[in-house]
Amino acid sequence: MLRLIHNQTVLGPILIDDIDDGLPNKTVHRLGSMADPDHYARDGYAIKDKQKCYIPYYKPGNQTVQGYIDIRETERVTHSSGKGKIDGMRRAGLIQVVQFVKTDLAVPVLTNAQLDVPGAGDLTITGTKLLSLTPDISTVILTGAGAVVLTMTQILAAGGVAAFTDTSIVIPAALVPGITAPGTAAQVNADDKNSNAFNVV
C-alpha cells in the first residue's frame, strides 16, 4: 500500500490522473439485457471515464492534519510512483509518499499504564501499535481522576523524560498532575482507532 500525503504547498486538492486502473468507471452502463443485473461495463475500458483520484488538502473532518489517500500498489500505481505523476509530484515537493502494509493500521493495544515511572508523578504506558502512520497523530486519553487528552506533539514538546514510540509512551508529571492509581484509566487513539482502556496502577 502507498499513502500519498498532501504537503500543503499548493491550495486545494491534488489530482493524480495516471493510476485509474484500480478505480471504478465513473458511470455504470448497462450492456444490452435489461433483465441481467450483471451486465454492466467493468473496470479497464480505456474509452470509459474513470472516477478522478484526488489527494485532499486536509484530512476530512480534521483540518489540523494534512490530507492523504491510501492506494493499492497496482502495476500502474507502481509505474506512477517510479517515474510517473506520483514520482514527479514527490520530486516537486507537492506530496510525500509512504509505503506501508495493512498491519501498520492495526488497533492499538495497551498492556500497562504505570504511575510514578520513571519518576514521581510520571506516567508510562506500554503496548503495541501506539504510533499512527504519518500524517495522523496519536492521542492519549486519560479518564477519571485527572482526565485529560494529550496529543503525541504535546507530550514530546514537554521535553525531559517525555517519549512516544510504537510500544511505549512516557508522559511527564507536569502534564498529568491530577491522575491517581487507582482512579485513572488510560487509552490510546492511533490511526483513528481506540485501544482498550487500562486502569493506571
C-alpha atoms as a PDB file:
ATOM      1  CA  MET A   1       0.000   0.000   0.000  1.00  0.00           C
ATOM      2  CA  LEU A   2       1.036   3.602  -0.597  1.00  0.00           C
ATOM      3  CA  ARG A   3      -0.074   6.659   1.339  1.00  0.00           C
ATOM      4  CA  LEU A   4       0.045   9.868  -0.700  1.00  0.00           C
ATOM      5  CA  ILE A   5       0.192  12.895   1.598  1.00  0.00           C
ATOM      6  CA  HIS A   6      -0.587  16.491   0.572  1.00  0.00           C
ATOM      7  CA  ASN A   7       2.360  18.734   1.532  1.00  0.00           C
ATOM      8  CA  GLN A   8       0.029  21.785   1.536  1.00  0.00           C
ATOM      9  CA  THR A   9       2.477  23.765  -0.598  1.00  0.00           C
ATOM     10  CA  VAL A  10      -0.376  24.488  -3.021  1.00  0.00           C
ATOM     11  CA  LEU A  11      -4.012  25.228  -2.232  1.00  0.00           C
ATOM     12  CA  GLY A  12      -6.768  22.741  -2.928  1.00  0.00           C
ATOM     13  CA  PRO A  13      -6.752  19.005  -3.675  1.00  0.00           C
ATOM     14  CA  ILE A  14      -4.146  17.431  -5.960  1.00  0.00           C
ATOM     15  CA  LEU A  15      -5.276  15.288  -8.903  1.00  0.00           C
ATOM     16  CA  ILE A  16      -3.429  12.043  -9.634  1.00  0.00           C
ATOM     17  CA  ASP A  17      -4.639  11.025 -13.086  1.00  0.00           C
ATOM     18  CA  ASP A  18      -2.393   8.175 -14.210  1.00  0.00           C
ATOM     19  CA  ILE A  19      -3.442   5.472 -11.732  1.00  0.00           C
ATOM     20  CA  ASP A  20      -7.009   4.740 -12.822  1.00  0.00           C
ATOM     21  CA  ASP A  21      -6.633   1.010 -13.454  1.00  0.00           C
ATOM     22  CA  GLY A  22      -7.874   0.250  -9.950  1.00  0.00           C
ATOM     23  CA  LEU A  23     -10.707   2.774  -9.973  1.00  0.00           C
ATOM     24  CA  PRO A  24     -14.320   2.128 -10.960  1.00  0.00           C
ATOM     25  CA  ASN A  25     -15.903   3.598 -14.056  1.00  0.00           C
ATOM     26  CA  LYS A  26     -17.419   6.999 -13.447  1.00  0.00           C
ATOM     27  CA  THR A  27     -20.831   5.928 -14.753  1.00  0.00           C
ATOM     28  CA  VAL A  28     -22.121   2.375 -14.794  1.00  0.00           C
ATOM     29  CA  HIS A  29     -23.585   1.500 -18.187  1.00  0.00           C
ATOM     30  CA  ARG A  30     -25.883  -1.451 -18.813  1.00  0.00           C
ATOM     31  CA  LEU A  31     -24.737  -3.632 -21.695  1.00  0.00           C
ATOM     32  CA  GLY A  32     -27.773  -4.896 -23.590  1.00  0.00           C
ATOM     33  CA  SER A  33     -30.002  -7.042 -21.417  1.00  0.00           C
ATOM     34  CA  MET A  34     -32.259  -5.164 -19.012  1.00  0.00           C
ATOM     35  CA  ALA A  35     -33.005  -8.408 -17.151  1.00  0.00           C
ATOM     36  CA  ASP A  36     -29.480  -9.402 -16.148  1.00  0.00           C
ATOM     37  CA  PRO A  37     -28.085  -7.114 -13.385  1.00  0.00           C
ATOM     38  CA  ASP A  38     -24.577  -8.456 -14.035  1.00  0.00           C
ATOM     39  CA  HIS A  39     -24.437  -6.884 -17.490  1.00  0.00           C
ATOM     40  CA  TYR A  40     -22.515  -3.714 -16.682  1.00  0.00           C
ATOM     41  CA  ALA A  41     -19.344  -2.150 -18.013  1.00  0.00           C
ATOM     42  CA  ARG A  42     -16.346  -3.115 -15.904  1.00  0.00           C
ATOM     43  CA  ASP A  43     -13.023  -1.540 -14.960  1.00  0.00           C
ATOM     44  CA  GLY A  44     -10.299  -1.430 -17.582  1.00  0.00           C
ATOM     45  CA  TYR A  45     -12.169   0.047 -20.551  1.00  0.00           C
ATOM     46  CA  ALA A  46      -9.910   2.791 -21.882  1.00  0.00           C
ATOM     47  CA  ILE A  47     -12.763   4.713 -23.521  1.00  0.00           C
ATOM     48  CA  LYS A  48     -14.784   4.918 -20.286  1.00  0.00           C
ATOM     49  CA  ASP A  49     -14.377   7.851 -17.902  1.00  0.00           C
ATOM     50  CA  LYS A  50     -12.948   6.854 -14.540  1.00  0.00           C
ATOM     51  CA  GLN A  51     -13.511   8.324 -11.110  1.00  0.00           C
ATOM     52  CA  LYS A  52     -10.967  11.043 -10.512  1.00  0.00           C
ATOM     53  CA  CYS A  53      -8.420  10.443  -7.745  1.00  0.00           C
ATOM     54  CA  TYR A  54      -7.660  13.468  -5.574  1.00  0.00           C
ATOM     55  CA  ILE A  55      -5.433  13.946  -2.540  1.00  0.00           C
ATOM     56  CA  PRO A  56      -7.428  16.303  -0.262  1.00  0.00           C
ATOM     57  CA  TYR A  57      -5.772  19.405   1.223  1.00  0.00           C
ATOM     58  CA  TYR A  58      -6.942  18.471   4.743  1.00  0.00           C
ATOM     59  CA  LYS A  59      -7.939  15.163   6.248  1.00  0.00           C
ATOM     60  CA  PRO A  60     -11.758  15.101   6.042  1.00  0.00           C
ATOM     61  CA  GLY A  61     -13.151  16.016   9.449  1.00  0.00           C
ATOM     62  CA  ASN A  62      -9.803  17.187  10.854  1.00  0.00           C
ATOM     63  CA  GLN A  63      -8.248  20.317   9.403  1.00  0.00           C
ATOM     64  CA  THR A  64      -5.193  20.033  11.672  1.00  0.00           C
ATOM     65  CA  VAL A  65      -3.965  17.007   9.683  1.00  0.00           C
ATOM     66  CA  GLN A  66      -2.625  17.051   6.117  1.00  0.00           C
ATOM     67  CA  GLY A  67      -4.861  15.330   3.585  1.00  0.00           C
ATOM     68  CA  TYR A  68      -3.939  11.898   2.269  1.00  0.00           C
ATOM     69  CA  ILE A  69      -5.204   8.873   0.372  1.00  0.00           C
ATOM     70  CA  ASP A  70      -4.227   5.207   0.634  1.00  0.00           C
ATOM     71  CA  ILE A  71      -3.949   3.255  -2.630  1.00  0.00           C
ATOM     72  CA  ARG A  72      -3.134  -0.307  -3.645  1.00  0.00           C
ATOM     73  CA  GLU A  73       0.160  -0.840  -5.460  1.00  0.00           C
ATOM     74  CA  THR A  74      -1.229  -1.963  -8.812  1.00  0.00           C
ATOM     75  CA  GLU A  75       1.094  -2.088 -11.832  1.00  0.00           C
ATOM     76  CA  ARG A  76       0.019   1.380 -12.903  1.00  0.00           C
ATOM     77  CA  VAL A  77       0.468   2.807  -9.396  1.00  0.00           C
ATOM     78  CA  THR A  78       3.935   1.243  -9.197  1.00  0.00           C
ATOM     79  CA  HIS A  79       4.809   2.804 -12.554  1.00  0.00           C
ATOM     80  CA  SER A  80       3.456   6.197 -11.467  1.00  0.00           C
ATOM     81  CA  SER A  81       5.407   6.145  -8.210  1.00  0.00           C
ATOM     82  CA  GLY A  82       8.573   5.116 -10.043  1.00  0.00           C
ATOM     83  CA  LYS A  83       8.569   7.523 -12.983  1.00  0.00           C
ATOM     84  CA  GLY A  84       5.067   8.929 -13.454  1.00  0.00           C
ATOM     85  CA  LYS A  85       2.832  11.557 -11.863  1.00  0.00           C
ATOM     86  CA  ILE A  86       3.320  10.374  -8.285  1.00  0.00           C
ATOM     87  CA  ASP A  87       7.102  10.466  -8.627  1.00  0.00           C
ATOM     88  CA  GLY A  88       7.006  13.860 -10.348  1.00  0.00           C
ATOM     89  CA  MET A  89       4.810  15.388  -7.655  1.00  0.00           C
ATOM     90  CA  ARG A  90       7.008  13.922  -4.931  1.00  0.00           C
ATOM     91  CA  ARG A  91      10.153  15.381  -6.534  1.00  0.00           C
ATOM     92  CA  ALA A  92       8.391  18.737  -6.902  1.00  0.00           C
ATOM     93  CA  GLY A  93       7.658  18.789  -3.177  1.00  0.00           C
ATOM     94  CA  LEU A  94       3.876  18.638  -3.627  1.00  0.00           C
ATOM     95  CA  ILE A  95       3.354  15.281  -1.904  1.00  0.00           C
ATOM     96  CA  GLN A  96       5.025  12.740   0.354  1.00  0.00           C
ATOM     97  CA  VAL A  97       4.839   9.025  -0.396  1.00  0.00           C
ATOM     98  CA  VAL A  98       4.805   6.492   2.452  1.00  0.00           C
ATOM     99  CA  GLN A  99       4.844   2.740   1.813  1.00  0.00           C
ATOM    100  CA  PHE A 100       3.083   0.565   4.390  1.00  0.00           C
ATOM    101  CA  VAL A 101       1.286  -2.732   4.932  1.00  0.00           C
ATOM    102  CA  LYS A 102      -2.248  -3.149   6.276  1.00  0.00           C
ATOM    103  CA  THR A 103      -0.980  -4.393   9.633  1.00  0.00           C
ATOM    104  CA  ASP A 104       0.555  -0.932  10.191  1.00  0.00           C
ATOM    105  CA  LEU A 105      -3.040   0.244  10.731  1.00  0.00           C
ATOM    106  CA  ALA A 106      -3.869  -2.377  13.364  1.00  0.00           C
ATOM    107  CA  VAL A 107      -5.819  -1.449  16.507  1.00  0.00           C
ATOM    108  CA  PRO A 108      -3.522  -0.275  19.340  1.00  0.00           C
ATOM    109  CA  VAL A 109      -3.360  -2.488  22.437  1.00  0.00           C
ATOM    110  CA  LEU A 110      -2.347  -1.361  25.944  1.00  0.00           C
ATOM    111  CA  THR A 111      -0.584  -3.819  28.248  1.00  0.00           C
ATOM    112  CA  ASN A 112       0.315  -1.497  31.147  1.00  0.00           C
ATOM    113  CA  ALA A 113      -0.140   2.053  32.472  1.00  0.00           C
ATOM    114  CA  GLN A 114       2.080   2.730  35.466  1.00  0.00           C
ATOM    115  CA  LEU A 115       2.183   5.849  37.624  1.00  0.00           C
ATOM    116  CA  ASP A 116       5.453   7.159  39.144  1.00  0.00           C
ATOM    117  CA  VAL A 117       7.577   5.597  36.380  1.00  0.00           C
ATOM    118  CA  PRO A 118      10.266   6.637  35.592  1.00  0.00           C
ATOM    119  CA  GLY A 119       9.905   9.408  38.232  1.00  0.00           C
ATOM    120  CA  ALA A 120       7.374  10.660  40.763  1.00  0.00           C
ATOM    121  CA  GLY A 121       4.135  11.676  39.017  1.00  0.00           C
ATOM    122  CA  ASP A 122       5.267  10.479  35.571  1.00  0.00           C
ATOM    123  CA  LEU A 123       3.061   8.035  33.655  1.00  0.00           C
ATOM    124  CA  THR A 124       4.457   5.259  31.477  1.00  0.00           C
ATOM    125  CA  ILE A 125       2.114   3.452  29.077  1.00  0.00           C
ATOM    126  CA  THR A 126       3.201   0.316  27.230  1.00  0.00           C
ATOM    127  CA  GLY A 127       1.569  -1.662  24.466  1.00  0.00           C
ATOM    128  CA  THR A 128       1.648  -2.250  20.719  1.00  0.00           C
ATOM    129  CA  LYS A 129       0.795  -0.132  17.681  1.00  0.00           C
ATOM    130  CA  LEU A 130       0.772   3.134  19.656  1.00  0.00           C
ATOM    131  CA  LEU A 131       2.135   5.288  16.816  1.00  0.00           C
ATOM    132  CA  SER A 132      -0.092   6.493  13.996  1.00  0.00           C
ATOM    133  CA  LEU A 133       1.016   6.302  10.388  1.00  0.00           C
ATOM    134  CA  THR A 134       2.063   9.788   9.276  1.00  0.00           C
ATOM    135  CA  PRO A 135       0.462  12.351   8.987  1.00  0.00           C
ATOM    136  CA  ASP A 136      -2.024  11.142  11.617  1.00  0.00           C
ATOM    137  CA  ILE A 137      -1.038  11.879  15.211  1.00  0.00           C
ATOM    138  CA  SER A 138      -1.682   9.537  18.136  1.00  0.00           C
ATOM    139  CA  THR A 139      -3.558  10.768  21.202  1.00  0.00           C
ATOM    140  CA  VAL A 140      -3.547   9.636  24.826  1.00  0.00           C
ATOM    141  CA  ILE A 141      -6.939   9.812  26.544  1.00  0.00           C
ATOM    142  CA  LEU A 142      -7.000   9.745  30.349  1.00  0.00           C
ATOM    143  CA  THR A 143     -10.398   9.402  32.029  1.00  0.00           C
ATOM    144  CA  GLY A 144     -11.450   9.522  35.652  1.00  0.00           C
ATOM    145  CA  ALA A 145      -9.193  11.385  38.085  1.00  0.00           C
ATOM    146  CA  GLY A 146      -7.091  13.997  36.263  1.00  0.00           C
ATOM    147  CA  ALA A 147      -8.910  13.431  32.977  1.00  0.00           C
ATOM    148  CA  VAL A 148      -7.037  14.963  30.041  1.00  0.00           C
ATOM    149  CA  VAL A 149      -6.448  14.394  26.317  1.00  0.00           C
ATOM    150  CA  LEU A 150      -2.863  14.795  25.092  1.00  0.00           C
ATOM    151  CA  THR A 151      -1.518  14.501  21.556  1.00  0.00           C
ATOM    152  CA  MET A 152       1.864  12.997  20.768  1.00  0.00           C
ATOM    153  CA  THR A 153       3.023  16.501  19.810  1.00  0.00           C
ATOM    154  CA  GLN A 154       2.043  17.921  23.221  1.00  0.00           C
ATOM    155  CA  ILE A 155       3.751  15.080  25.076  1.00  0.00           C
ATOM    156  CA  LEU A 156       7.035  15.328  23.165  1.00  0.00           C
ATOM    157  CA  ALA A 157       7.061  19.140  23.493  1.00  0.00           C
ATOM    158  CA  ALA A 158       7.235  18.747  27.281  1.00  0.00           C
ATOM    159  CA  GLY A 159      10.838  17.525  26.999  1.00  0.00           C
ATOM    160  CA  GLY A 160      12.667  15.805  29.821  1.00  0.00           C
ATOM    161  CA  VAL A 161      11.589  12.186  30.156  1.00  0.00           C
ATOM    162  CA  ALA A 162       8.831  12.576  27.533  1.00  0.00           C
ATOM    163  CA  ALA A 163       8.865   9.839  24.908  1.00  0.00           C
ATOM    164  CA  PHE A 164       6.480   8.348  22.338  1.00  0.00           C
ATOM    165  CA  THR A 165       7.284   5.159  20.424  1.00  0.00           C
ATOM    166  CA  ASP A 166       5.230   2.349  18.916  1.00  0.00           C
ATOM    167  CA  THR A 167       5.478   0.362  22.167  1.00  0.00           C
ATOM    168  CA  SER A 168       5.987   2.930  24.936  1.00  0.00           C
ATOM    169  CA  ILE A 169       4.757   6.387  25.952  1.00  0.00           C
ATOM    170  CA  VAL A 170       6.246   8.398  28.818  1.00  0.00           C
ATOM    171  CA  ILE A 171       4.206  11.407  29.977  1.00  0.00           C
ATOM    172  CA  PRO A 172       5.955  13.843  32.358  1.00  0.00           C
ATOM    173  CA  ALA A 173       4.261  14.581  35.673  1.00  0.00           C
ATOM    174  CA  ALA A 174       3.664  18.229  34.727  1.00  0.00           C
ATOM    175  CA  LEU A 175       1.178  17.145  32.030  1.00  0.00           C
ATOM    176  CA  VAL A 176      -0.843  14.806  34.277  1.00  0.00           C
ATOM    177  CA  PRO A 177      -0.940  16.417  37.738  1.00  0.00           C
ATOM    178  CA  GLY A 178      -4.334  15.045  38.793  1.00  0.00           C
ATOM    179  CA  ILE A 179      -4.092  11.364  37.893  1.00  0.00           C
ATOM    180  CA  THR A 180      -4.273   8.656  40.549  1.00  0.00           C
ATOM    181  CA  ALA A 181      -3.791   4.912  40.813  1.00  0.00           C
ATOM    182  CA  PRO A 182      -6.397   3.604  41.034  1.00  0.00           C
ATOM    183  CA  GLY A 183      -8.834   6.196  39.750  1.00  0.00           C
ATOM    184  CA  THR A 184      -7.496   6.968  36.249  1.00  0.00           C
ATOM    185  CA  ALA A 185      -7.814   4.897  33.081  1.00  0.00           C
ATOM    186  CA  ALA A 186      -5.603   5.276  30.016  1.00  0.00           C
ATOM    187  CA  GLN A 187      -6.491   4.776  26.361  1.00  0.00           C
ATOM    188  CA  VAL A 188      -4.594   5.496  23.138  1.00  0.00           C
ATOM    189  CA  ASN A 189      -6.090   6.526  19.817  1.00  0.00           C
ATOM    190  CA  ALA A 190      -3.881   5.682  16.812  1.00  0.00           C
ATOM    191  CA  ASP A 191      -4.940   5.843  13.165  1.00  0.00           C
ATOM    192  CA  ASP A 192      -8.478   6.760  14.318  1.00  0.00           C
ATOM    193  CA  LYS A 193      -8.726   3.513  16.318  1.00  0.00           C
ATOM    194  CA  ASN A 194      -9.146   3.400  20.105  1.00  0.00           C
ATOM    195  CA  SER A 195      -7.189   0.922  22.193  1.00  0.00           C
ATOM    196  CA  ASN A 196      -8.551  -0.953  25.165  1.00  0.00           C
ATOM    197  CA  ALA A 197      -8.825   1.098  28.374  1.00  0.00           C
ATOM    198  CA  PHE A 198      -6.230   0.208  31.009  1.00  0.00           C
ATOM    199  CA  ASN A 199      -6.564   1.247  34.656  1.00  0.00           C
ATOM    200  CA  VAL A 200      -3.470   3.087  35.882  1.00  0.00           C
ATOM    201  CA  VAL A 201      -1.528   1.126  38.506  1.00  0.00           C
END
